[in-house]
Amino acid sequence: MIRVAGWGRQVVSSSGGGGLTAAQIAKGVLNLLILSAALWVVSWWPARGLAGESGLLWMTRALLIVVIPGFINLLLSGLPILKDPLKSMLLRMGLRIAVLLPAVLVVKAWWPDVGIAQFYGWLMGFYLISLAFEAWEFSILLRRR
């Protein structure tokens, strides 16, 4: 059973393991939220110029497909079982691929006319930026331990 012992305290399990503090997790979530909003604002004009209103919709979908697993990863990083950096990285990569791959397959199957300028290019760009951000956040957490 997982419980949060209070703001700024460690996320602990009943088995006695330790994890990240709630404040560290909240800071990571806030940073990802700010990055996501900044990416959307910066990408708005090019997406609209390349594919019109439909481009904005697909660019937003691409950003959400990439960012949602990032939020889940940050929230799961407080689990005591993920104190091991290798386990943590494997879970993070697996979760990202588990969301990204089915999303691409669904878009390709249901909307075959959607192209690289509308969706896939944004998805690749957002994925790389999000991955770099997550690696940066992870390296900061490792240095603190």
Protein backbone atom coordinates (compact mmCIF):
# COMPACT_ATOMS: atom_id res chain seq x y z
CA MET A 1 0.00 0.00 0.00
CA ILE A 2 1.37 3.42 -0.98
CA ARG A 3 0.73 6.57 1.02
CA VAL A 4 2.04 10.09 0.80
CA ALA A 5 3.11 11.26 4.23
CA GLY A 6 2.66 14.96 3.48
CA TRP A 7 3.95 17.69 1.21
CA GLY A 8 7.75 17.64 1.09
CA ARG A 9 7.95 14.23 2.72
CA GLN A 10 8.89 10.94 1.14
CA VAL A 11 6.43 8.77 -0.68
CA VAL A 12 6.64 5.52 1.26
CA SER A 13 5.13 2.11 1.17
CA SER A 14 3.92 0.03 4.07
CA SER A 15 6.85 -2.31 3.40
CA GLY A 16 9.26 0.45 4.40
CA GLY A 17 10.80 1.40 1.04
CA GLY A 18 11.58 5.00 0.16
CA GLY A 19 11.04 7.03 -2.95
CA LEU A 20 10.89 10.57 -4.22
CA THR A 21 9.32 13.31 -2.19
CA ALA A 22 5.90 14.55 -3.16
CA ALA A 23 7.44 17.98 -3.78
CA GLN A 24 9.96 16.52 -6.26
CA ILE A 25 7.19 14.73 -8.14
CA ALA A 26 5.02 17.86 -8.17
CA LYS A 27 7.95 19.93 -9.46
CA GLY A 28 8.53 17.45 -12.30
CA VAL A 29 4.83 17.48 -13.21
CA LEU A 30 4.78 21.28 -13.17
CA ASN A 31 7.91 21.45 -15.36
CA LEU A 32 6.37 19.04 -17.87
CA LEU A 33 3.15 21.06 -17.88
CA ILE A 34 5.08 24.27 -18.58
CA LEU A 35 7.11 22.55 -21.32
CA SER A 36 3.91 21.19 -22.90
CA ALA A 37 2.21 24.58 -22.89
CA ALA A 38 5.32 26.23 -24.36
CA LEU A 39 5.58 23.58 -27.09
CA TRP A 40 1.93 24.04 -27.99
CA VAL A 41 2.23 27.84 -28.15
CA VAL A 42 5.43 27.71 -30.23
CA SER A 43 3.96 25.07 -32.57
CA TRP A 44 0.60 26.77 -33.07
CA TRP A 45 1.61 29.05 -35.95
CA PRO A 46 3.61 26.48 -37.96
CA ALA A 47 0.89 23.83 -37.52
CA ARG A 48 -1.78 26.23 -38.73
CA GLY A 49 0.39 27.36 -41.64
CA LEU A 50 1.20 23.82 -42.76
CA ALA A 51 -2.24 22.24 -42.50
CA GLY A 52 -4.81 24.82 -41.39
CA GLU A 53 -7.31 24.15 -38.60
CA SER A 54 -6.93 20.41 -39.08
CA GLY A 55 -3.19 20.80 -38.50
CA LEU A 56 -3.85 22.45 -35.13
CA LEU A 57 -6.11 19.59 -34.10
CA TRP A 58 -3.58 16.92 -35.11
CA MET A 59 -0.67 18.82 -33.57
CA THR A 60 -2.59 18.99 -30.29
CA ARG A 61 -3.38 15.28 -30.45
CA ALA A 62 0.29 14.50 -31.09
CA LEU A 63 1.31 16.57 -28.07
CA LEU A 64 -1.23 14.84 -25.83
CA ILE A 65 -0.14 11.38 -27.00
CA VAL A 66 3.42 12.21 -26.00
CA VAL A 67 2.76 14.17 -22.79
CA ILE A 68 0.24 11.89 -21.07
CA PRO A 69 2.75 9.02 -20.63
CA GLY A 70 5.25 11.61 -19.40
CA PHE A 71 2.87 12.65 -16.62
CA ILE A 72 2.19 9.02 -15.74
CA ASN A 73 5.94 8.34 -15.65
CA LEU A 74 6.52 11.23 -13.28
CA LEU A 75 3.70 10.11 -11.00
CA LEU A 76 4.99 6.52 -10.95
CA SER A 77 8.53 7.66 -10.15
CA GLY A 78 7.55 7.92 -6.49
CA LEU A 79 6.95 4.19 -6.16
CA PRO A 80 9.50 2.49 -3.93
CA ILE A 81 10.01 -0.36 -6.39
CA LEU A 82 11.46 2.15 -8.86
CA LYS A 83 14.40 3.16 -6.67
CA ASP A 84 16.59 1.13 -9.02
CA PRO A 85 17.47 3.40 -11.99
CA LEU A 86 17.43 0.49 -14.48
CA LYS A 87 13.92 -0.63 -13.49
CA SER A 88 12.75 2.95 -13.59
CA MET A 89 14.16 3.59 -17.08
CA LEU A 90 12.73 0.33 -18.44
CA LEU A 91 9.27 1.17 -17.09
CA ARG A 92 9.44 4.69 -18.50
CA MET A 93 10.46 3.51 -21.97
CA GLY A 94 7.92 0.71 -21.95
CA LEU A 95 5.08 3.01 -20.97
CA ARG A 96 5.97 5.55 -23.65
CA ILE A 97 6.10 2.89 -26.38
CA ALA A 98 2.93 1.22 -25.05
CA VAL A 99 1.02 4.47 -25.60
CA LEU A 100 2.79 5.79 -28.68
CA LEU A 101 2.71 2.68 -30.88
CA PRO A 102 -1.03 1.91 -30.57
CA ALA A 103 -1.82 5.59 -31.10
CA VAL A 104 0.15 5.65 -34.35
CA LEU A 105 -1.50 2.42 -35.51
CA VAL A 106 -4.99 3.77 -34.74
CA VAL A 107 -4.32 7.01 -36.60
CA LYS A 108 -2.87 5.12 -39.58
CA ALA A 109 -5.84 2.71 -39.69
CA TRP A 110 -8.70 5.17 -39.09
CA TRP A 111 -7.31 8.29 -40.77
CA PRO A 112 -4.99 7.08 -43.54
CA ASP A 113 -4.98 10.50 -45.24
CA VAL A 114 -3.26 12.19 -42.24
CA GLY A 115 0.30 12.94 -43.25
CA ILE A 116 3.63 13.93 -41.79
CA ALA A 117 2.90 17.68 -41.80
CA GLN A 118 -0.36 17.21 -39.88
CA PHE A 119 0.54 14.57 -37.30
CA TYR A 120 3.57 12.32 -37.64
CA GLY A 121 6.14 15.10 -37.86
CA TRP A 122 4.74 16.75 -34.74
CA LEU A 123 4.61 13.41 -32.97
CA MET A 124 8.27 12.70 -33.72
CA GLY A 125 9.38 16.19 -32.71
CA PHE A 126 7.37 16.23 -29.49
CA TYR A 127 8.52 12.71 -28.65
CA LEU A 128 12.19 13.63 -28.99
CA ILE A 129 11.79 16.82 -26.96
CA SER A 130 9.80 15.00 -24.28
CA LEU A 131 12.35 12.20 -24.15
CA ALA A 132 15.18 14.71 -23.74
CA PHE A 133 13.24 16.47 -20.98
CA GLU A 134 12.56 13.20 -19.18
CA ALA A 135 16.21 12.14 -19.44
CA TRP A 136 17.25 15.52 -18.04
CA GLU A 137 14.78 15.23 -15.13
CA PHE A 138 15.92 11.66 -14.48
CA SER A 139 19.60 12.66 -14.43
CA ILE A 140 18.86 15.41 -11.90
CA LEU A 141 17.07 12.90 -9.67
CA LEU A 142 19.95 10.44 -9.94
CA ARG A 143 22.47 13.10 -8.97
CA ARG A 144 20.43 13.95 -5.87
CA ARG A 145 20.40 10.35 -4.67
